[in-house]
N, C-alpha and C. Protein backbone atom coordinates (compact mmCIF):
# COMPACT_ATOMS: atom_id res chain seq x y z
N UNK A 1 33.07 50.65 37.59
CA UNK A 1 33.50 50.01 38.79
C UNK A 1 33.57 51.00 39.91
N UNK A 2 33.04 50.61 40.95
CA UNK A 2 33.06 51.46 42.14
C UNK A 2 34.21 51.01 43.03
N UNK A 3 35.02 51.97 43.37
CA UNK A 3 36.14 51.63 44.26
C UNK A 3 35.71 51.92 45.69
N UNK A 4 35.94 50.99 46.50
CA UNK A 4 35.56 51.19 47.89
C UNK A 4 36.82 51.46 48.71
N UNK A 5 36.89 52.66 49.21
CA UNK A 5 38.02 53.03 50.05
C UNK A 5 37.58 52.86 51.50
N UNK A 6 38.34 52.10 52.19
CA UNK A 6 37.97 51.87 53.58
C UNK A 6 38.69 52.87 54.47
N UNK A 7 38.01 53.29 55.51
CA UNK A 7 38.59 54.21 56.47
C UNK A 7 39.43 53.40 57.45
N UNK A 8 40.52 54.00 57.92
CA UNK A 8 41.32 53.27 58.90
C UNK A 8 40.51 53.06 60.18
N UNK A 9 40.61 51.85 60.69
CA UNK A 9 39.87 51.54 61.89
C UNK A 9 40.69 51.92 63.11
N UNK A 10 40.04 52.54 64.07
CA UNK A 10 40.71 52.93 65.30
C UNK A 10 40.24 52.01 66.41
N UNK A 11 41.12 51.80 67.33
CA UNK A 11 40.80 50.97 68.48
C UNK A 11 39.86 51.76 69.39
N UNK A 12 38.75 51.21 69.73
CA UNK A 12 37.74 51.91 70.52
C UNK A 12 38.13 52.02 71.99
N UNK A 13 39.06 51.17 72.46
CA UNK A 13 39.41 51.22 73.87
C UNK A 13 40.33 52.40 74.18
N UNK A 14 41.13 52.87 73.20
CA UNK A 14 42.01 54.01 73.41
C UNK A 14 41.68 55.10 72.41
N UNK A 15 41.62 56.34 72.87
CA UNK A 15 41.43 57.42 71.90
C UNK A 15 42.64 57.53 70.98
N UNK A 16 42.45 58.14 69.83
CA UNK A 16 43.50 58.21 68.82
C UNK A 16 44.70 59.02 69.31
N UNK A 17 44.51 59.94 70.24
CA UNK A 17 45.62 60.77 70.71
C UNK A 17 46.53 60.04 71.69
N UNK A 18 46.06 58.95 72.30
CA UNK A 18 46.86 58.24 73.29
C UNK A 18 47.54 56.99 72.73
N UNK A 19 47.36 56.72 71.46
CA UNK A 19 47.98 55.54 70.88
C UNK A 19 49.47 55.76 70.78
N UNK A 20 50.24 54.74 71.10
CA UNK A 20 51.69 54.82 71.03
C UNK A 20 52.13 54.11 69.76
N UNK A 21 52.76 54.85 68.88
CA UNK A 21 53.25 54.29 67.63
C UNK A 21 54.69 53.80 67.83
N UNK A 22 55.53 54.65 68.42
CA UNK A 22 56.93 54.34 68.63
C UNK A 22 57.35 54.96 69.96
N UNK A 23 58.21 54.27 70.68
CA UNK A 23 58.58 54.75 72.00
C UNK A 23 60.06 54.48 72.26
N UNK A 24 60.78 55.53 72.68
CA UNK A 24 62.18 55.39 73.05
C UNK A 24 62.26 54.97 74.50
N UNK A 25 63.44 54.54 74.92
CA UNK A 25 63.65 54.19 76.31
C UNK A 25 63.53 55.43 77.17
N UNK A 26 62.95 55.29 78.33
CA UNK A 26 62.86 56.39 79.28
C UNK A 26 61.65 57.27 79.13
N UNK A 27 60.88 57.12 78.08
CA UNK A 27 59.67 57.92 77.90
C UNK A 27 58.48 56.98 78.03
N UNK A 28 57.85 57.02 79.14
CA UNK A 28 56.74 56.09 79.30
C UNK A 28 55.89 56.45 80.49
N UNK A 29 55.13 55.49 80.89
CA UNK A 29 54.20 55.73 81.98
C UNK A 29 54.88 55.63 83.33
N UNK A 30 56.13 55.16 83.38
CA UNK A 30 56.84 55.01 84.65
C UNK A 30 58.16 55.78 84.63
N UNK A 31 58.13 57.12 84.62
CA UNK A 31 59.39 57.86 84.58
C UNK A 31 60.19 57.73 85.87
N UNK A 32 59.55 57.39 86.98
CA UNK A 32 60.27 57.25 88.24
C UNK A 32 61.19 56.04 88.22
N UNK A 33 60.90 55.07 87.38
CA UNK A 33 61.73 53.88 87.30
C UNK A 33 63.09 54.18 86.67
N UNK A 34 63.19 55.26 85.88
CA UNK A 34 64.43 55.59 85.21
C UNK A 34 65.24 56.65 85.95
N UNK A 35 64.70 57.21 87.02
CA UNK A 35 65.43 58.21 87.78
C UNK A 35 66.52 57.55 88.59
N UNK A 36 67.61 58.24 88.73
CA UNK A 36 68.75 57.73 89.48
C UNK A 36 68.57 58.08 90.95
N UNK A 37 68.71 57.10 91.79
CA UNK A 37 68.58 57.32 93.21
C UNK A 37 69.86 57.90 93.78
N UNK A 38 69.74 58.97 94.55
CA UNK A 38 70.90 59.59 95.16
C UNK A 38 71.11 58.99 96.55
N UNK A 39 72.28 58.41 96.73
CA UNK A 39 72.59 57.79 98.00
C UNK A 39 73.17 58.85 98.93
N UNK A 40 72.59 58.98 100.08
CA UNK A 40 73.01 59.98 101.06
C UNK A 40 74.06 59.35 101.98
N UNK A 41 75.31 59.74 101.81
CA UNK A 41 76.38 59.25 102.66
C UNK A 41 76.64 60.26 103.77
N UNK A 42 77.04 59.79 104.95
CA UNK A 42 77.40 60.73 106.02
C UNK A 42 78.66 61.51 105.64
N UNK A 43 78.85 62.69 106.22
CA UNK A 43 79.98 63.54 105.83
C UNK A 43 81.35 62.87 106.01
N UNK A 44 81.53 62.03 107.02
CA UNK A 44 82.84 61.45 107.24
C UNK A 44 83.20 60.37 106.21
N UNK A 45 82.26 59.95 105.36
CA UNK A 45 82.53 58.96 104.32
C UNK A 45 82.67 59.58 102.94
N UNK A 46 82.55 60.89 102.84
CA UNK A 46 82.64 61.57 101.55
C UNK A 46 84.05 62.15 101.38
N UNK A 47 84.67 61.90 100.25
CA UNK A 47 85.98 62.44 99.93
C UNK A 47 85.81 63.61 98.98
N UNK A 48 86.05 64.81 99.48
CA UNK A 48 85.84 66.02 98.70
C UNK A 48 87.16 66.56 98.19
N UNK A 49 87.10 67.20 97.03
CA UNK A 49 88.27 67.84 96.43
C UNK A 49 87.96 69.32 96.24
N UNK A 50 88.88 70.17 96.70
CA UNK A 50 88.77 71.60 96.52
C UNK A 50 89.79 72.04 95.49
N UNK A 51 89.36 72.89 94.57
CA UNK A 51 90.26 73.32 93.52
C UNK A 51 89.89 74.74 93.09
N UNK A 52 90.89 75.60 92.99
CA UNK A 52 90.68 76.94 92.44
C UNK A 52 90.82 76.85 90.93
N UNK A 53 89.79 77.31 90.22
CA UNK A 53 89.76 77.16 88.77
C UNK A 53 89.40 78.49 88.12
N UNK A 54 89.93 78.70 86.90
CA UNK A 54 89.60 79.89 86.11
C UNK A 54 89.12 79.52 84.72
N UNK A 55 89.08 78.24 84.41
CA UNK A 55 88.73 77.80 83.06
C UNK A 55 87.28 78.12 82.72
N UNK A 56 87.09 78.75 81.58
CA UNK A 56 85.74 79.03 81.09
C UNK A 56 85.00 80.09 81.87
N UNK A 57 85.73 80.91 82.64
CA UNK A 57 85.07 81.92 83.47
C UNK A 57 85.63 83.31 83.21
N UNK A 58 86.23 83.52 82.07
CA UNK A 58 86.76 84.81 81.64
C UNK A 58 87.75 85.39 82.64
N UNK A 59 88.62 84.54 83.19
CA UNK A 59 89.66 84.99 84.10
C UNK A 59 89.26 85.12 85.54
N UNK A 60 88.00 84.90 85.86
CA UNK A 60 87.54 84.99 87.25
C UNK A 60 87.86 83.69 87.98
N UNK A 61 88.36 83.79 89.20
CA UNK A 61 88.71 82.61 89.98
C UNK A 61 87.49 82.12 90.74
N UNK A 62 87.28 80.81 90.70
CA UNK A 62 86.17 80.15 91.39
C UNK A 62 86.72 78.94 92.13
N UNK A 63 86.29 78.74 93.36
CA UNK A 63 86.68 77.56 94.11
C UNK A 63 85.62 76.48 93.86
N UNK A 64 86.06 75.35 93.33
CA UNK A 64 85.15 74.25 92.97
C UNK A 64 85.33 73.13 93.99
N UNK A 65 84.22 72.70 94.60
CA UNK A 65 84.24 71.59 95.55
C UNK A 65 83.48 70.44 94.91
N UNK A 66 84.15 69.31 94.69
CA UNK A 66 83.52 68.17 94.02
C UNK A 66 83.66 66.93 94.88
N UNK A 67 82.90 65.90 94.52
CA UNK A 67 82.98 64.62 95.22
C UNK A 67 81.81 64.38 96.16
N UNK A 68 80.77 65.19 96.07
CA UNK A 68 79.62 65.02 96.96
C UNK A 68 78.79 63.82 96.54
N UNK A 69 78.29 63.09 97.53
CA UNK A 69 77.35 62.00 97.29
C UNK A 69 76.18 62.20 98.24
N UNK A 70 75.35 63.18 97.89
CA UNK A 70 74.19 63.49 98.73
C UNK A 70 73.10 64.11 97.86
N UNK A 71 71.99 64.39 98.46
CA UNK A 71 70.83 64.92 97.75
C UNK A 71 71.02 66.41 97.47
N UNK A 72 70.21 66.91 96.54
CA UNK A 72 70.31 68.31 96.15
C UNK A 72 69.95 69.26 97.29
N UNK A 73 69.00 68.85 98.13
CA UNK A 73 68.60 69.71 99.25
C UNK A 73 69.75 69.92 100.22
N UNK A 74 70.51 68.86 100.46
CA UNK A 74 71.66 68.95 101.36
C UNK A 74 72.73 69.86 100.77
N UNK A 75 72.92 69.77 99.45
CA UNK A 75 73.92 70.61 98.79
C UNK A 75 73.54 72.08 98.86
N UNK A 76 72.27 72.39 98.67
CA UNK A 76 71.86 73.80 98.71
C UNK A 76 72.00 74.37 100.12
N UNK A 77 71.70 73.57 101.15
CA UNK A 77 71.88 74.04 102.52
C UNK A 77 73.35 74.27 102.83
N UNK A 78 74.21 73.35 102.40
CA UNK A 78 75.64 73.49 102.63
C UNK A 78 76.19 74.69 101.87
N UNK A 79 75.73 74.89 100.64
CA UNK A 79 76.18 76.02 99.85
C UNK A 79 75.82 77.34 100.52
N UNK A 80 74.63 77.43 101.06
CA UNK A 80 74.21 78.65 101.74
C UNK A 80 75.10 78.94 102.93
N UNK A 81 75.45 77.92 103.68
CA UNK A 81 76.32 78.08 104.83
C UNK A 81 77.72 78.50 104.41
N UNK A 82 78.27 77.87 103.37
CA UNK A 82 79.62 78.19 102.92
C UNK A 82 79.69 79.59 102.32
N UNK A 83 78.67 79.99 101.59
CA UNK A 83 78.66 81.34 101.01
C UNK A 83 78.65 82.40 102.10
N UNK A 84 77.89 82.17 103.17
CA UNK A 84 77.84 83.15 104.25
C UNK A 84 79.17 83.20 105.00
N UNK A 85 79.85 82.06 105.15
CA UNK A 85 81.15 82.03 105.82
C UNK A 85 82.22 82.75 105.00
N UNK A 86 82.15 82.63 103.67
CA UNK A 86 83.16 83.24 102.81
C UNK A 86 82.80 84.67 102.42
N UNK A 87 81.54 85.03 102.54
CA UNK A 87 81.11 86.37 102.14
C UNK A 87 81.12 86.57 100.64
N UNK A 88 80.73 85.54 99.90
CA UNK A 88 80.72 85.64 98.44
C UNK A 88 79.57 84.82 97.89
N UNK A 89 79.40 84.87 96.58
CA UNK A 89 78.33 84.13 95.92
C UNK A 89 78.78 82.75 95.51
N UNK A 90 77.82 81.98 95.00
CA UNK A 90 78.15 80.64 94.54
C UNK A 90 76.94 79.95 93.96
N UNK A 91 77.15 78.73 93.45
CA UNK A 91 76.08 77.97 92.81
C UNK A 91 76.36 76.48 92.91
N UNK A 92 75.31 75.70 92.63
CA UNK A 92 75.43 74.24 92.56
C UNK A 92 75.32 73.85 91.10
N UNK A 93 76.31 73.10 90.59
CA UNK A 93 76.28 72.61 89.21
C UNK A 93 76.75 71.17 89.20
N UNK A 94 75.91 70.25 88.77
CA UNK A 94 76.27 68.83 88.58
C UNK A 94 76.93 68.22 89.81
N UNK A 95 76.31 68.34 90.95
CA UNK A 95 76.81 67.81 92.23
C UNK A 95 78.16 68.39 92.62
N UNK A 96 78.48 69.58 92.16
CA UNK A 96 79.66 70.30 92.61
C UNK A 96 79.22 71.68 93.08
N UNK A 97 79.94 72.21 94.04
CA UNK A 97 79.68 73.56 94.53
C UNK A 97 80.72 74.49 93.94
N UNK A 98 80.29 75.65 93.47
CA UNK A 98 81.20 76.66 92.96
C UNK A 98 81.02 77.91 93.80
N UNK A 99 82.11 78.36 94.42
CA UNK A 99 82.07 79.56 95.25
C UNK A 99 82.99 80.58 94.62
N UNK A 100 82.50 81.80 94.45
CA UNK A 100 83.26 82.84 93.76
C UNK A 100 84.46 83.26 94.59
N UNK A 101 85.62 83.32 93.95
CA UNK A 101 86.85 83.73 94.61
C UNK A 101 87.68 82.53 95.00
N UNK A 102 88.92 82.82 95.43
CA UNK A 102 89.84 81.76 95.85
C UNK A 102 89.76 81.63 97.37
N UNK A 103 88.94 80.70 97.84
CA UNK A 103 88.73 80.47 99.27
C UNK A 103 89.11 79.05 99.67
N UNK A 104 90.12 78.48 99.04
CA UNK A 104 90.42 77.06 99.27
C UNK A 104 90.82 76.78 100.72
N UNK A 105 91.68 77.61 101.30
CA UNK A 105 92.14 77.36 102.68
C UNK A 105 90.99 77.51 103.68
N UNK A 106 90.20 78.56 103.51
CA UNK A 106 89.08 78.80 104.42
C UNK A 106 88.04 77.69 104.32
N UNK A 107 87.73 77.27 103.08
CA UNK A 107 86.74 76.21 102.88
C UNK A 107 87.25 74.87 103.40
N UNK A 108 88.55 74.63 103.30
CA UNK A 108 89.11 73.39 103.82
C UNK A 108 88.91 73.32 105.33
N UNK A 109 89.15 74.40 106.04
CA UNK A 109 88.94 74.43 107.48
C UNK A 109 87.48 74.24 107.84
N UNK A 110 86.58 74.91 107.13
CA UNK A 110 85.15 74.83 107.43
C UNK A 110 84.62 73.42 107.18
N UNK A 111 85.02 72.81 106.05
CA UNK A 111 84.53 71.47 105.72
C UNK A 111 85.05 70.41 106.68
N UNK A 112 86.31 70.55 107.13
CA UNK A 112 86.83 69.57 108.10
C UNK A 112 86.15 69.75 109.46
N UNK A 113 85.78 70.97 109.82
CA UNK A 113 85.03 71.17 111.06
C UNK A 113 83.64 70.56 110.97
N UNK A 114 83.06 70.54 109.78
CA UNK A 114 81.74 69.94 109.59
C UNK A 114 81.82 68.42 109.50
N UNK A 115 83.02 67.85 109.44
CA UNK A 115 83.16 66.40 109.45
C UNK A 115 83.45 65.78 108.09
N UNK A 116 83.65 66.58 107.05
CA UNK A 116 83.96 66.06 105.72
C UNK A 116 85.44 65.77 105.61
N UNK A 117 85.79 64.78 104.77
CA UNK A 117 87.18 64.54 104.42
C UNK A 117 87.45 65.37 103.16
N UNK A 118 88.28 66.38 103.30
CA UNK A 118 88.52 67.28 102.16
C UNK A 118 90.01 67.44 101.93
N UNK A 119 90.37 67.57 100.64
CA UNK A 119 91.75 67.80 100.22
C UNK A 119 91.76 68.89 99.18
N UNK A 120 92.87 69.62 99.13
CA UNK A 120 93.06 70.60 98.07
C UNK A 120 93.76 69.89 96.93
N UNK A 121 93.19 69.99 95.73
CA UNK A 121 93.79 69.35 94.56
C UNK A 121 94.17 70.43 93.56
N UNK A 122 95.05 70.09 92.67
CA UNK A 122 95.50 71.04 91.67
C UNK A 122 96.65 71.88 92.17
N UNK A 123 97.13 72.79 91.32
CA UNK A 123 98.29 73.59 91.65
C UNK A 123 97.89 74.78 92.38
């Protein structure tokens, strides 16, 4: 008896490398549909919180400004301006600004001059 083994048939319209066997949400031909749109609010409608924090920074004090509702480009421009006013370094992490050192009073004055609603939170 001759056994006939058949070869798996491939679809001729799609190459074998482009066939989708299984697909999770968010991985597809339309990644822009799953991106979150950042709403740009004017400064007078944003409620910002300033807080001096030392957690997870090996005892170094960092001023954290949170509550921004704007695009990343706006945050980087604002961070550059605030760093130059304070004379220290800083970074943007998860829509919050971190400025090295305890500059809460100085940053509160600068942000209110720029038109933001800002408060100092924490002890």
